[in-house]
PDB file of N, CA and C in Angstrom:
ATOM      1  N   LYS A   1     -31.807  58.125 -53.223  1.00  0.00           N
ATOM      2  CA  LYS A   1     -32.084  57.515 -51.887  1.00  0.00           C
ATOM      3  C   LYS A   1     -32.374  58.514 -50.798  1.00  0.00           C
ATOM      4  N   LYS A   2     -31.595  59.620 -50.721  1.00  0.00           N
ATOM      5  CA  LYS A   2     -31.792  60.705 -49.708  1.00  0.00           C
ATOM      6  C   LYS A   2     -33.114  61.408 -49.893  1.00  0.00           C
ATOM      7  N   VAL A   3     -33.475  61.587 -51.079  1.00  0.00           N
ATOM      8  CA  VAL A   3     -34.712  62.360 -51.462  1.00  0.00           C
ATOM      9  C   VAL A   3     -35.978  61.361 -51.062  1.00  0.00           C
ATOM     10  N   VAL A   4     -35.849  60.259 -51.340  1.00  0.00           N
ATOM     11  CA  VAL A   4     -37.039  59.287 -50.975  1.00  0.00           C
ATOM     12  C   VAL A   4     -37.076  59.202 -49.504  1.00  0.00           C
ATOM     13  N   LEU A   5     -35.972  59.082 -48.781  1.00  0.00           N
ATOM     14  CA  LEU A   5     -36.013  58.953 -47.392  1.00  0.00           C
ATOM     15  C   LEU A   5     -36.637  60.333 -46.773  1.00  0.00           C
ATOM     16  N   ALA A   6     -36.144  61.403 -47.314  1.00  0.00           N
ATOM     17  CA  ALA A   6     -36.746  62.820 -46.938  1.00  0.00           C
ATOM     18  C   ALA A   6     -38.224  62.905 -47.061  1.00  0.00           C
ATOM     19  N   THR A   7     -38.590  62.528 -48.225  1.00  0.00           N
ATOM     20  CA  THR A   7     -40.060  62.579 -48.702  1.00  0.00           C
ATOM     21  C   THR A   7     -40.882  61.572 -47.627  1.00  0.00           C
ATOM     22  N   VAL A   8     -40.417  60.406 -47.418  1.00  0.00           N
ATOM     23  CA  VAL A   8     -41.204  59.490 -46.604  1.00  0.00           C
ATOM     24  C   VAL A   8     -41.244  59.983 -45.167  1.00  0.00           C
ATOM     25  N   HIS A   9     -40.092  60.479 -44.659  1.00  0.00           N
ATOM     26  CA  HIS A   9     -40.038  61.112 -43.365  1.00  0.00           C
ATOM     27  C   HIS A   9     -40.901  62.240 -43.273  1.00  0.00           C
ATOM     28  N   GLN A  10     -40.962  63.124 -44.314  1.00  0.00           N
ATOM     29  CA  GLN A  10     -42.090  64.254 -44.132  1.00  0.00           C
ATOM     30  C   GLN A  10     -43.520  63.847 -44.116  1.00  0.00           C
ATOM     31  N   GLN A  11     -43.793  62.682 -44.857  1.00  0.00           N
ATOM     32  CA  GLN A  11     -45.180  62.189 -44.800  1.00  0.00           C
ATOM     33  C   GLN A  11     -45.396  61.649 -43.484  1.00  0.00           C
ATOM     34  N   PHE A  12     -44.617  60.993 -42.812  1.00  0.00           N
ATOM     35  CA  PHE A  12     -44.783  60.436 -41.514  1.00  0.00           C
ATOM     36  C   PHE A  12     -45.062  61.859 -40.377  1.00  0.00           C
ATOM     37  N   VAL A  13     -44.202  62.779 -40.606  1.00  0.00           N
ATOM     38  CA  VAL A  13     -44.397  63.887 -39.822  1.00  0.00           C
ATOM     39  C   VAL A  13     -45.754  64.642 -39.868  1.00  0.00           C
ATOM     40  N   ASN A  14     -46.084  64.688 -41.237  1.00  0.00           N
ATOM     41  CA  ASN A  14     -47.362  65.351 -41.469  1.00  0.00           C
ATOM     42  C   ASN A  14     -48.491  64.432 -40.917  1.00  0.00           C
ATOM     43  N   GLY A  15     -48.477  63.152 -41.045  1.00  0.00           N
ATOM     44  CA  GLY A  15     -49.482  62.288 -40.622  1.00  0.00           C
ATOM     45  C   GLY A  15     -49.528  62.288 -38.941  1.00  0.00           C
ATOM     46  N   ILE A  16     -48.266  62.363 -38.373  1.00  0.00           N
ATOM     47  CA  ILE A  16     -48.349  62.442 -36.964  1.00  0.00           C
ATOM     48  C   ILE A  16     -48.804  63.692 -36.445  1.00  0.00           C
ATOM     49  N   THR A  17     -48.631  64.932 -37.099  1.00  0.00           N
ATOM     50  CA  THR A  17     -49.145  66.113 -36.854  1.00  0.00           C
ATOM     51  C   THR A  17     -50.808  66.257 -36.981  1.00  0.00           C
ATOM     52  N   ALA A  18     -51.147  65.695 -38.074  1.00  0.00           N
ATOM     53  CA  ALA A  18     -52.607  65.502 -38.317  1.00  0.00           C
ATOM     54  C   ALA A  18     -53.370  64.919 -37.262  1.00  0.00           C
ATOM     55  N   ALA A  19     -52.824  63.582 -36.753  1.00  0.00           N
ATOM     56  CA  ALA A  19     -53.286  62.875 -35.872  1.00  0.00           C
ATOM     57  C   ALA A  19     -53.102  63.323 -34.341  1.00  0.00           C
ATOM     58  N   LYS A  20     -52.257  64.371 -34.240  1.00  0.00           N
ATOM     59  CA  LYS A  20     -52.048  64.911 -33.004  1.00  0.00           C
ATOM     60  C   LYS A  20     -51.450  64.041 -31.840  1.00  0.00           C
ATOM     61  N   ILE A  21     -50.472  63.236 -32.555  1.00  0.00           N
ATOM     62  CA  ILE A  21     -49.693  62.362 -31.702  1.00  0.00           C
ATOM     63  C   ILE A  21     -48.484  63.077 -31.217  1.00  0.00           C
ATOM     64  N   PRO A  22     -48.120  62.900 -29.979  1.00  0.00           N
ATOM     65  CA  PRO A  22     -47.018  63.643 -29.416  1.00  0.00           C
ATOM     66  C   PRO A  22     -45.712  63.101 -30.088  1.00  0.00           C
ATOM     67  N   LEU A  23     -44.798  64.037 -30.385  1.00  0.00           N
ATOM     68  CA  LEU A  23     -43.519  63.514 -31.151  1.00  0.00           C
ATOM     69  C   LEU A  23     -42.465  64.222 -30.406  1.00  0.00           C
ATOM     70  N   SER A  24     -41.447  63.518 -29.866  1.00  0.00           N
ATOM     71  CA  SER A  24     -40.219  64.120 -29.356  1.00  0.00           C
ATOM     72  C   SER A  24     -39.052  63.810 -30.040  1.00  0.00           C
ATOM     73  N   ASN A  25     -38.169  64.848 -30.484  1.00  0.00           N
ATOM     74  CA  ASN A  25     -36.968  64.793 -31.068  1.00  0.00           C
ATOM     75  C   ASN A  25     -35.842  64.906 -29.957  1.00  0.00           C
ATOM     76  N   LYS A  26     -35.347  63.875 -29.796  1.00  0.00           N
ATOM     77  CA  LYS A  26     -34.317  63.842 -28.649  1.00  0.00           C
ATOM     78  C   LYS A  26     -33.508  62.502 -28.858  1.00  0.00           C
ATOM     79  N   ASP A  27     -32.264  62.376 -28.417  1.00  0.00           N
ATOM     80  CA  ASP A  27     -31.416  61.239 -28.468  1.00  0.00           C
ATOM     81  C   ASP A  27     -32.060  60.189 -27.572  1.00  0.00           C
ATOM     82  N   VAL A  28     -32.372  58.935 -28.147  1.00  0.00           N
ATOM     83  CA  VAL A  28     -32.960  57.866 -27.277  1.00  0.00           C
ATOM     84  C   VAL A  28     -31.844  57.045 -26.776  1.00  0.00           C
ATOM     85  N   GLU A  29     -31.946  57.133 -25.412  1.00  0.00           N
ATOM     86  CA  GLU A  29     -30.989  56.365 -24.609  1.00  0.00           C
ATOM     87  C   GLU A  29     -31.535  55.024 -24.018  1.00  0.00           C
ATOM     88  N   LEU A  30     -30.698  54.009 -23.580  1.00  0.00           N
ATOM     89  CA  LEU A  30     -31.313  52.895 -22.993  1.00  0.00           C
ATOM     90  C   LEU A  30     -32.127  53.250 -21.735  1.00  0.00           C
ATOM     91  N   GLU A  31     -31.915  54.288 -20.885  1.00  0.00           N
ATOM     92  CA  GLU A  31     -32.628  54.698 -19.839  1.00  0.00           C
ATOM     93  C   GLU A  31     -33.936  55.080 -20.214  1.00  0.00           C
ATOM     94  N   ASP A  32     -34.099  55.691 -21.650  1.00  0.00           N
ATOM     95  CA  ASP A  32     -35.383  56.045 -21.902  1.00  0.00           C
ATOM     96  C   ASP A  32     -36.234  54.689 -22.188  1.00  0.00           C
ATOM     97  N   ILE A  33     -35.710  53.814 -22.914  1.00  0.00           N
ATOM     98  CA  ILE A  33     -36.335  52.565 -23.219  1.00  0.00           C
ATOM     99  C   ILE A  33     -36.770  51.852 -21.867  1.00  0.00           C
ATOM    100  N   GLU A  34     -35.848  51.712 -20.970  1.00  0.00           N
ATOM    101  CA  GLU A  34     -36.125  51.176 -19.760  1.00  0.00           C
ATOM    102  C   GLU A  34     -37.251  51.945 -19.002  1.00  0.00           C
ATOM    103  N   ARG A  35     -37.289  53.030 -18.974  1.00  0.00           N
ATOM    104  CA  ARG A  35     -38.511  54.000 -18.379  1.00  0.00           C
ATOM    105  C   ARG A  35     -39.884  53.636 -19.161  1.00  0.00           C
ATOM    106  N   TRP A  36     -39.740  53.512 -20.595  1.00  0.00           N
ATOM    107  CA  TRP A  36     -40.904  53.238 -21.220  1.00  0.00           C
ATOM    108  C   TRP A  36     -41.617  51.857 -20.940  1.00  0.00           C
ATOM    109  N   LEU A  37     -40.452  50.963 -20.843  1.00  0.00           N
ATOM    110  CA  LEU A  37     -40.984  49.412 -20.571  1.00  0.00           C
ATOM    111  C   LEU A  37     -41.530  49.417 -19.113  1.00  0.00           C
ATOM    112  N   LYS A  38     -40.989  50.118 -18.282  1.00  0.00           N
ATOM    113  CA  LYS A  38     -41.583  50.002 -16.912  1.00  0.00           C
ATOM    114  C   LYS A  38     -43.075  50.747 -16.859  1.00  0.00           C
ATOM    115  N   GLN A  39     -43.415  51.690 -17.647  1.00  0.00           N
ATOM    116  CA  GLN A  39     -44.553  52.245 -17.909  1.00  0.00           C
ATOM    117  C   GLN A  39     -45.606  51.394 -18.851  1.00  0.00           C
ATOM    118  N   ASN A  40     -45.111  50.286 -19.172  1.00  0.00           N
ATOM    119  CA  ASN A  40     -45.841  49.352 -19.927  1.00  0.00           C
ATOM    120  C   ASN A  40     -46.088  49.784 -21.357  1.00  0.00           C
ATOM    121  N   PHE A  41     -45.138  50.721 -22.064  1.00  0.00           N
ATOM    122  CA  PHE A  41     -45.269  51.017 -23.262  1.00  0.00           C
ATOM    123  C   PHE A  41     -44.651  49.873 -24.236  1.00  0.00           C
ATOM    124  N   SER A  42     -45.180  49.661 -25.340  1.00  0.00           N
ATOM    125  CA  SER A  42     -44.502  48.880 -26.432  1.00  0.00           C
ATOM    126  C   SER A  42     -43.483  49.739 -26.991  1.00  0.00           C
ATOM    127  N   VAL A  43     -42.328  49.241 -27.331  1.00  0.00           N
ATOM    128  CA  VAL A  43     -41.133  49.922 -27.687  1.00  0.00           C
ATOM    129  C   VAL A  43     -40.621  49.337 -28.872  1.00  0.00           C
ATOM    130  N   LEU A  44     -40.734  50.097 -29.996  1.00  0.00           N
ATOM    131  CA  LEU A  44     -40.182  49.665 -31.216  1.00  0.00           C
ATOM    132  C   LEU A  44     -38.861  50.494 -31.610  1.00  0.00           C
ATOM    133  N   LEU A  45     -37.860  49.603 -31.963  1.00  0.00           N
ATOM    134  CA  LEU A  45     -36.474  50.426 -32.259  1.00  0.00           C
ATOM    135  C   LEU A  45     -36.026  50.046 -33.545  1.00  0.00           C
ATOM    136  N   LEU A  46     -35.521  51.003 -34.474  1.00  0.00           N
ATOM    137  CA  LEU A  46     -34.764  50.871 -35.625  1.00  0.00           C
ATOM    138  C   LEU A  46     -33.455  50.443 -35.336  1.00  0.00           C
ATOM    139  N   ILE A  47     -32.960  49.377 -35.891  1.00  0.00           N
ATOM    140  CA  ILE A  47     -31.488  48.747 -35.749  1.00  0.00           C
ATOM    141  C   ILE A  47     -30.922  48.620 -37.147  1.00  0.00           C
ATOM    142  N   SER A  48     -29.667  48.347 -37.064  1.00  0.00           N
ATOM    143  CA  SER A  48     -28.953  47.838 -38.166  1.00  0.00           C
ATOM    144  C   SER A  48     -28.818  46.300 -38.069  1.00  0.00           C
ATOM    145  N   THR A  49     -29.102  45.598 -39.023  1.00  0.00           N
ATOM    146  CA  THR A  49     -28.795  44.126 -38.762  1.00  0.00           C
ATOM    147  C   THR A  49     -27.467  43.546 -39.037  1.00  0.00           C
ATOM    148  N   TYR A  50     -26.615  44.508 -39.288  1.00  0.00           N
ATOM    149  CA  TYR A  50     -25.198  44.103 -39.688  1.00  0.00           C
ATOM    150  C   TYR A  50     -24.649  43.036 -38.755  1.00  0.00           C
ATOM    151  N   ARG A  51     -24.780  43.207 -37.382  1.00  0.00           N
ATOM    152  CA  ARG A  51     -24.225  42.271 -36.489  1.00  0.00           C
ATOM    153  C   ARG A  51     -24.907  40.823 -36.589  1.00  0.00           C
ATOM    154  N   PHE A  52     -26.146  40.965 -37.017  1.00  0.00           N
ATOM    155  CA  PHE A  52     -26.854  39.637 -37.119  1.00  0.00           C
ATOM    156  C   PHE A  52     -26.431  38.935 -38.426  1.00  0.00           C
ATOM    157  N   ASP A  53     -26.543  39.704 -39.537  1.00  0.00           N
ATOM    158  CA  ASP A  53     -26.507  38.912 -40.984  1.00  0.00           C
ATOM    159  C   ASP A  53     -25.499  39.470 -41.839  1.00  0.00           C
ATOM    160  N   GLY A  54     -24.702  40.537 -41.432  1.00  0.00           N
ATOM    161  CA  GLY A  54     -23.644  41.175 -42.258  1.00  0.00           C
ATOM    162  C   GLY A  54     -24.412  42.164 -43.267  1.00  0.00           C
ATOM    163  N   LYS A  55     -25.601  42.394 -43.211  1.00  0.00           N
ATOM    164  CA  LYS A  55     -26.296  43.378 -44.214  1.00  0.00           C
ATOM    165  C   LYS A  55     -26.503  44.760 -43.493  1.00  0.00           C
ATOM    166  N   LYS A  56     -26.216  45.828 -43.939  1.00  0.00           N
ATOM    167  CA  LYS A  56     -26.390  47.217 -43.439  1.00  0.00           C
ATOM    168  C   LYS A  56     -27.784  47.642 -43.617  1.00  0.00           C
ATOM    169  N   SER A  57     -28.830  46.759 -43.375  1.00  0.00           N
ATOM    170  CA  SER A  57     -30.037  47.473 -43.606  1.00  0.00           C
ATOM    171  C   SER A  57     -30.832  47.702 -42.394  1.00  0.00           C
ATOM    172  N   PRO A  58     -31.678  48.794 -42.340  1.00  0.00           N
ATOM    173  CA  PRO A  58     -32.554  49.230 -41.234  1.00  0.00           C
ATOM    174  C   PRO A  58     -33.609  48.223 -41.052  1.00  0.00           C
ATOM    175  N   HIS A  59     -33.888  47.862 -39.724  1.00  0.00           N
ATOM    176  CA  HIS A  59     -34.783  46.997 -39.425  1.00  0.00           C
ATOM    177  C   HIS A  59     -35.399  47.121 -38.043  1.00  0.00           C
ATOM    178  N   TRP A  60     -36.845  47.035 -37.964  1.00  0.00           N
ATOM    179  CA  TRP A  60     -37.466  47.275 -36.799  1.00  0.00           C
ATOM    180  C   TRP A  60     -37.573  46.095 -35.935  1.00  0.00           C
ATOM    181  N   VAL A  61     -37.270  46.285 -34.696  1.00  0.00           N
ATOM    182  CA  VAL A  61     -37.537  45.194 -33.586  1.00  0.00           C
ATOM    183  C   VAL A  61     -38.252  45.734 -32.493  1.00  0.00           C
ATOM    184  N   CYS A  62     -38.821  44.787 -31.721  1.00  0.00           N
ATOM    185  CA  CYS A  62     -39.652  45.112 -30.473  1.00  0.00           C
ATOM    186  C   CYS A  62     -38.767  44.923 -29.294  1.00  0.00           C
ATOM    187  N   VAL A  63     -38.518  45.980 -28.488  1.00  0.00           N
ATOM    188  CA  VAL A  63     -37.675  45.716 -27.289  1.00  0.00           C
ATOM    189  C   VAL A  63     -38.670  45.229 -26.164  1.00  0.00           C
ATOM    190  N   THR A  64     -38.268  44.097 -25.428  1.00  0.00           N
ATOM    191  CA  THR A  64     -39.024  43.392 -24.430  1.00  0.00           C
ATOM    192  C   THR A  64     -38.532  43.598 -23.180  1.00  0.00           C
ATOM    193  N   HIS A  65     -37.294  43.734 -22.953  1.00  0.00           N
ATOM    194  CA  HIS A  65     -36.612  43.708 -21.534  1.00  0.00           C
ATOM    195  C   HIS A  65     -35.253  44.246 -21.641  1.00  0.00           C
ATOM    196  N   LEU A  66     -34.793  44.726 -20.441  1.00  0.00           N
ATOM    197  CA  LEU A  66     -33.435  45.245 -20.333  1.00  0.00           C
ATOM    198  C   LEU A  66     -32.958  44.622 -18.899  1.00  0.00           C
ATOM    199  N   ASP A  67     -31.536  44.323 -18.880  1.00  0.00           N
ATOM    200  CA  ASP A  67     -31.085  43.886 -17.623  1.00  0.00           C
ATOM    201  C   ASP A  67     -29.755  44.541 -17.645  1.00  0.00           C
ATOM    202  N   GLU A  68     -28.849  44.242 -16.600  1.00  0.00           N
ATOM    203  CA  GLU A  68     -27.544  45.019 -16.599  1.00  0.00           C
ATOM    204  C   GLU A  68     -26.665  44.516 -17.573  1.00  0.00           C
ATOM    205  N   HIS A  69     -26.916  43.470 -18.349  1.00  0.00           N
ATOM    206  CA  HIS A  69     -25.950  42.974 -19.453  1.00  0.00           C
ATOM    207  C   HIS A  69     -26.458  43.204 -20.826  1.00  0.00           C
ATOM    208  N   CYS A  70     -27.864  43.008 -20.919  1.00  0.00           N
ATOM    209  CA  CYS A  70     -28.419  42.961 -22.324  1.00  0.00           C
ATOM    210  C   CYS A  70     -29.642  43.465 -22.550  1.00  0.00           C
ATOM    211  N   VAL A  71     -29.858  43.839 -23.802  1.00  0.00           N
ATOM    212  CA  VAL A  71     -31.254  44.346 -24.167  1.00  0.00           C
ATOM    213  C   VAL A  71     -31.836  43.080 -24.952  1.00  0.00           C
ATOM    214  N   TYR A  72     -33.170  42.760 -24.693  1.00  0.00           N
ATOM    215  CA  TYR A  72     -33.758  41.614 -25.425  1.00  0.00           C
ATOM    216  C   TYR A  72     -34.911  42.141 -26.123  1.00  0.00           C
ATOM    217  N   VAL A  73     -34.730  41.595 -27.536  1.00  0.00           N
ATOM    218  CA  VAL A  73     -35.713  42.025 -28.532  1.00  0.00           C
ATOM    219  C   VAL A  73     -36.514  40.860 -29.190  1.00  0.00           C
ATOM    220  N   HIS A  74     -37.550  41.163 -29.665  1.00  0.00           N
ATOM    221  CA  HIS A  74     -38.288  40.230 -30.586  1.00  0.00           C
ATOM    222  C   HIS A  74     -38.049  40.736 -32.001  1.00  0.00           C
ATOM    223  N   ASP A  75     -37.659  39.739 -32.779  1.00  0.00           N
ATOM    224  CA  ASP A  75     -37.303  40.151 -34.315  1.00  0.00           C
ATOM    225  C   ASP A  75     -38.455  39.699 -35.093  1.00  0.00           C
ATOM    226  N   PRO A  76     -39.232  40.626 -35.767  1.00  0.00           N
ATOM    227  CA  PRO A  76     -40.452  39.967 -36.537  1.00  0.00           C
ATOM    228  C   PRO A  76     -39.984  39.252 -37.686  1.00  0.00           C
ATOM    229  N   PHE A  77     -38.698  39.318 -38.059  1.00  0.00           N
ATOM    230  CA  PHE A  77     -38.311  38.657 -39.408  1.00  0.00           C
ATOM    231  C   PHE A  77     -37.722  37.333 -38.997  1.00  0.00           C
ATOM    232  N   CYS A  78     -38.324  36.417 -39.540  1.00  0.00           N
ATOM    233  CA  CYS A  78     -37.673  34.958 -39.493  1.00  0.00           C
ATOM    234  C   CYS A  78     -37.617  34.378 -41.015  1.00  0.00           C
ATOM    235  N   GLU A  79     -36.524  33.838 -41.326  1.00  0.00           N
ATOM    236  CA  GLU A  79     -36.490  33.196 -42.729  1.00  0.00           C
ATOM    237  C   GLU A  79     -37.467  32.269 -42.919  1.00  0.00           C
ATOM    238  N   PRO A  80     -38.561  32.674 -43.779  1.00  0.00           N
ATOM    239  CA  PRO A  80     -39.595  31.664 -44.097  1.00  0.00           C
ATOM    240  C   PRO A  80     -39.038  30.518 -44.804  1.00  0.00           C
ATOM    241  N   GLY A  81     -39.292  29.255 -44.267  1.00  0.00           N
ATOM    242  CA  GLY A  81     -39.072  27.925 -44.851  1.00  0.00           C
ATOM    243  C   GLY A  81     -37.634  27.586 -44.559  1.00  0.00           C
ATOM    244  N   SER A  82     -36.889  28.370 -43.570  1.00  0.00           N
ATOM    245  CA  SER A  82     -35.513  28.051 -43.297  1.00  0.00           C
ATOM    246  C   SER A  82     -35.589  26.937 -42.365  1.00  0.00           C
ATOM    247  N   ASP A  83     -34.679  25.890 -42.651  1.00  0.00           N
ATOM    248  CA  ASP A  83     -34.474  24.821 -41.721  1.00  0.00           C
ATOM    249  C   ASP A  83     -33.512  25.121 -40.534  1.00  0.00           C
ATOM    250  N   SER A  84     -32.819  26.180 -40.784  1.00  0.00           N
ATOM    251  CA  SER A  84     -31.812  26.618 -39.885  1.00  0.00           C
ATOM    252  C   SER A  84     -32.310  27.635 -38.801  1.00  0.00           C
ATOM    253  N   GLN A  85     -33.383  28.203 -39.066  1.00  0.00           N
ATOM    254  CA  GLN A  85     -33.907  29.202 -38.060  1.00  0.00           C
ATOM    255  C   GLN A  85     -35.503  28.867 -37.649  1.00  0.00           C
ATOM    256  N   LEU A  86     -35.711  28.849 -36.500  1.00  0.00           N
ATOM    257  CA  LEU A  86     -37.063  28.563 -35.924  1.00  0.00           C
ATOM    258  C   LEU A  86     -37.704  29.794 -35.458  1.00  0.00           C
ATOM    259  N   ALA A  87     -38.922  29.817 -35.303  1.00  0.00           N
ATOM    260  CA  ALA A  87     -39.591  31.020 -34.860  1.00  0.00           C
ATOM    261  C   ALA A  87     -39.195  31.530 -33.371  1.00  0.00           C
ATOM    262  N   ILE A  88     -38.926  30.433 -32.677  1.00  0.00           N
ATOM    263  CA  ILE A  88     -38.373  30.647 -31.370  1.00  0.00           C
ATOM    264  C   ILE A  88     -36.932  31.365 -31.267  1.00  0.00           C
ATOM    265  N   ASP A  89     -36.198  31.266 -32.429  1.00  0.00           N
ATOM    266  CA  ASP A  89     -34.879  31.911 -32.413  1.00  0.00           C
ATOM    267  C   ASP A  89     -35.065  33.351 -32.582  1.00  0.00           C
ATOM    268  N   CYS A  90     -36.181  33.928 -32.923  1.00  0.00           N
ATOM    269  CA  CYS A  90     -36.366  35.363 -33.246  1.00  0.00           C
ATOM    270  C   CYS A  90     -37.015  36.010 -31.996  1.00  0.00           C
ATOM    271  N   GLN A  91     -37.258  35.292 -30.907  1.00  0.00           N
ATOM    272  CA  GLN A  91     -37.959  35.799 -29.677  1.00  0.00           C
ATOM    273  C   GLN A  91     -37.020  35.793 -28.474  1.00  0.00           C
ATOM    274  N   TYR A  92     -37.106  36.975 -27.810  1.00  0.00           N
ATOM    275  CA  TYR A  92     -36.211  37.188 -26.748  1.00  0.00           C
ATOM    276  C   TYR A  92     -34.886  37.073 -27.048  1.00  0.00           C
ATOM    277  N   VAL A  93     -34.327  37.664 -28.024  1.00  0.00           N
ATOM    278  CA  VAL A  93     -32.949  37.588 -28.429  1.00  0.00           C
ATOM    279  C   VAL A  93     -32.070  38.543 -27.613  1.00  0.00           C
ATOM    280  N   PRO A  94     -31.157  38.120 -26.973  1.00  0.00           N
ATOM    281  CA  PRO A  94     -30.366  38.961 -26.150  1.00  0.00           C
ATOM    282  C   PRO A  94     -29.232  39.701 -26.908  1.00  0.00           C
ATOM    283  N   ILE A  95     -29.129  40.989 -26.788  1.00  0.00           N
ATOM    284  CA  ILE A  95     -28.084  41.672 -27.401  1.00  0.00           C
ATOM    285  C   ILE A  95     -27.218  42.391 -26.293  1.00  0.00           C
ATOM    286  N   ALA A  96     -25.935  42.287 -26.283  1.00  0.00           N
ATOM    287  CA  ALA A  96     -25.214  43.038 -25.233  1.00  0.00           C
ATOM    288  C   ALA A  96     -25.320  44.534 -25.299  1.00  0.00           C
ATOM    289  N   ARG A  97     -25.431  45.177 -24.232  1.00  0.00           N
ATOM    290  CA  ARG A  97     -25.611  46.615 -24.177  1.00  0.00           C
ATOM    291  C   ARG A  97     -24.694  47.392 -25.195  1.00  0.00           C
ATOM    292  N   SER A  98     -23.448  46.966 -25.127  1.00  0.00           N
ATOM    293  CA  SER A  98     -22.282  47.777 -25.853  1.00  0.00           C
ATOM    294  C   SER A  98     -22.776  47.348 -27.451  1.00  0.00           C
ATOM    295  N   ASP A  99     -23.087  46.363 -27.817  1.00  0.00           N
ATOM    296  CA  ASP A  99     -23.482  46.032 -29.050  1.00  0.00           C
ATOM    297  C   ASP A  99     -24.715  46.779 -29.564  1.00  0.00           C
ATOM    298  N   PHE A 100     -25.700  46.750 -28.584  1.00  0.00           N
ATOM    299  CA  PHE A 100     -26.983  47.492 -28.918  1.00  0.00           C
ATOM    300  C   PHE A 100     -26.745  48.973 -29.328  1.00  0.00           C
ATOM    301  N   SER A 101     -25.848  49.483 -28.513  1.00  0.00           N
ATOM    302  CA  SER A 101     -25.724  50.941 -28.698  1.00  0.00           C
ATOM    303  C   SER A 101     -25.198  51.118 -30.170  1.00  0.00           C
ATOM    304  N   LYS A 102     -24.118  50.306 -30.582  1.00  0.00           N
ATOM    305  CA  LYS A 102     -23.742  50.379 -32.092  1.00  0.00           C
ATOM    306  C   LYS A 102     -24.689  50.055 -32.973  1.00  0.00           C
ATOM    307  N   MET A 103     -25.625  49.149 -32.820  1.00  0.00           N
ATOM    308  CA  MET A 103     -26.581  48.584 -33.600  1.00  0.00           C
ATOM    309  C   MET A 103     -27.712  49.670 -33.887  1.00  0.00           C
ATOM    310  N   SER A 104     -28.062  50.557 -32.890  1.00  0.00           N
ATOM    311  CA  SER A 104     -29.127  51.432 -32.966  1.00  0.00           C
ATOM    312  C   SER A 104     -28.731  52.778 -33.346  1.00  0.00           C
ATOM    313  N   ALA A 105     -27.567  53.079 -33.716  1.00  0.00           N
ATOM    314  CA  ALA A 105     -27.222  54.472 -34.254  1.00  0.00           C
ATOM    315  C   ALA A 105     -26.807  54.441 -35.716  1.00  0.00           C
ATOM    316  N   PHE A 106     -27.397  55.527 -36.417  1.00  0.00           N
ATOM    317  CA  PHE A 106     -27.222  55.513 -37.937  1.00  0.00           C
ATOM    318  C   PHE A 106     -26.605  56.801 -38.298  1.00  0.00           C
ATOM    319  N   GLY A 107     -25.908  56.789 -39.506  1.00  0.00           N
ATOM    320  CA  GLY A 107     -25.213  57.757 -40.051  1.00  0.00           C
ATOM    321  C   GLY A 107     -24.190  58.453 -39.310  1.00  0.00           C
ATOM    322  N   SER A 108     -23.599  59.667 -39.889  1.00  0.00           N
ATOM    323  CA  SER A 108     -22.563  60.228 -39.354  1.00  0.00           C
ATOM    324  C   SER A 108     -23.055  61.032 -37.989  1.00  0.00           C
ATOM    325  N   GLN A 109     -24.244  61.292 -38.036  1.00  0.00           N
ATOM    326  CA  GLN A 109     -24.804  61.932 -36.749  1.00  0.00           C
ATOM    327  C   GLN A 109     -25.292  61.024 -35.611  1.00  0.00           C
ATOM    328  N   ARG A 110     -25.206  59.664 -35.974  1.00  0.00           N
ATOM    329  CA  ARG A 110     -25.468  58.604 -34.959  1.00  0.00           C
ATOM    330  C   ARG A 110     -26.925  58.763 -34.550  1.00  0.00           C
ATOM    331  N   LEU A 111     -27.962  58.946 -35.297  1.00  0.00           N
ATOM    332  CA  LEU A 111     -29.197  59.211 -34.924  1.00  0.00           C
ATOM    333  C   LEU A 111     -29.853  57.699 -34.571  1.00  0.00           C
ATOM    334  N   ARG A 112     -30.703  57.908 -33.638  1.00  0.00           N
ATOM    335  CA  ARG A 112     -31.530  56.703 -33.202  1.00  0.00           C
ATOM    336  C   ARG A 112     -33.005  57.080 -33.397  1.00  0.00           C
ATOM    337  N   THR A 113     -33.666  55.917 -33.719  1.00  0.00           N
ATOM    338  CA  THR A 113     -35.261  56.150 -33.982  1.00  0.00           C
ATOM    339  C   THR A 113     -35.922  54.971 -33.115  1.00  0.00           C
ATOM    340  N   ALA A 114     -36.863  55.561 -32.372  1.00  0.00           N
ATOM    341  CA  ALA A 114     -37.704  54.705 -31.411  1.00  0.00           C
ATOM    342  C   ALA A 114     -39.211  55.149 -31.521  1.00  0.00           C
ATOM    343  N   VAL A 115     -40.010  54.147 -31.336  1.00  0.00           N
ATOM    344  CA  VAL A 115     -41.449  54.450 -31.317  1.00  0.00           C
ATOM    345  C   VAL A 115     -42.015  53.833 -29.886  1.00  0.00           C
ATOM    346  N   ALA A 116     -42.450  54.648 -28.935  1.00  0.00           N
ATOM    347  CA  ALA A 116     -42.895  54.000 -27.738  1.00  0.00           C
ATOM    348  C   ALA A 116     -44.494  54.276 -27.745  1.00  0.00           C
ATOM    349  N   ILE A 117     -45.175  53.194 -27.664  1.00  0.00           N
ATOM    350  CA  ILE A 117     -46.649  53.208 -27.845  1.00  0.00           C
ATOM    351  C   ILE A 117     -47.384  52.848 -26.452  1.00  0.00           C
ATOM    352  N   ALA A 118     -48.112  53.852 -25.961  1.00  0.00           N
ATOM    353  CA  ALA A 118     -48.968  53.620 -24.636  1.00  0.00           C
ATOM    354  C   ALA A 118     -50.226  52.899 -25.007  1.00  0.00           C
ATOM    355  N   LYS A 119     -50.781  52.314 -24.146  1.00  0.00           N
ATOM    356  CA  LYS A 119     -52.052  51.991 -24.280  1.00  0.00           C
ATOM    357  C   LYS A 119     -53.018  53.063 -24.187  1.00  0.00           C
ATOM    358  N   SER A 120     -54.000  52.887 -24.937  1.00  0.00           N
ATOM    359  CA  SER A 120     -55.103  54.062 -25.019  1.00  0.00           C
ATOM    360  C   SER A 120     -55.601  54.175 -23.645  1.00  0.00           C
ATOM    361  N   LYS A 121     -56.134  55.204 -23.116  1.00  0.00           N
ATOM    362  CA  LYS A 121     -56.871  55.265 -21.942  1.00  0.00           C
ATOM    363  C   LYS A 121     -58.301  54.859 -22.162  1.00  0.00           C
ATOM    364  N   ASN A 122     -58.737  54.588 -23.364  1.00  0.00           N
ATOM    365  CA  ASN A 122     -60.104  54.049 -23.536  1.00  0.00           C
ATOM    366  C   ASN A 122     -60.091  52.441 -23.497  1.00  0.00           C
ATOM    367  N   CYS A 123     -58.896  51.859 -23.522  1.00  0.00           N
ATOM    368  CA  CYS A 123     -58.809  50.351 -23.452  1.00  0.00           C
ATOM    369  C   CYS A 123     -59.117  49.730 -22.136  1.00  0.00           C
TER     370      CYS A 123
END
């Protein structure tokens, strides 16, 4: 598993380098996410879904808003054909800031992964 993750990571790094996309290696804090949102960036964040569904799987969500109590995310995964979950249930999902910090850190080094996407100046 670790070899596969390392290989995929290196492929991403190579692609980012070839495309000349700026890459920053630093700990991602809620203040960073808040700043990116204020700058109209789209913010994707890798979280653990354990607090949602009891599974320890990594999962990408789109951060849409922060306030003093919660981080709000859109979750692209909705159970298809589920009678208990509607698409609206996956939109603007509030997560307590304290829970969010735990959900967004992985491994013994507590690494966080985020992608902040700015609009192209050509748009």
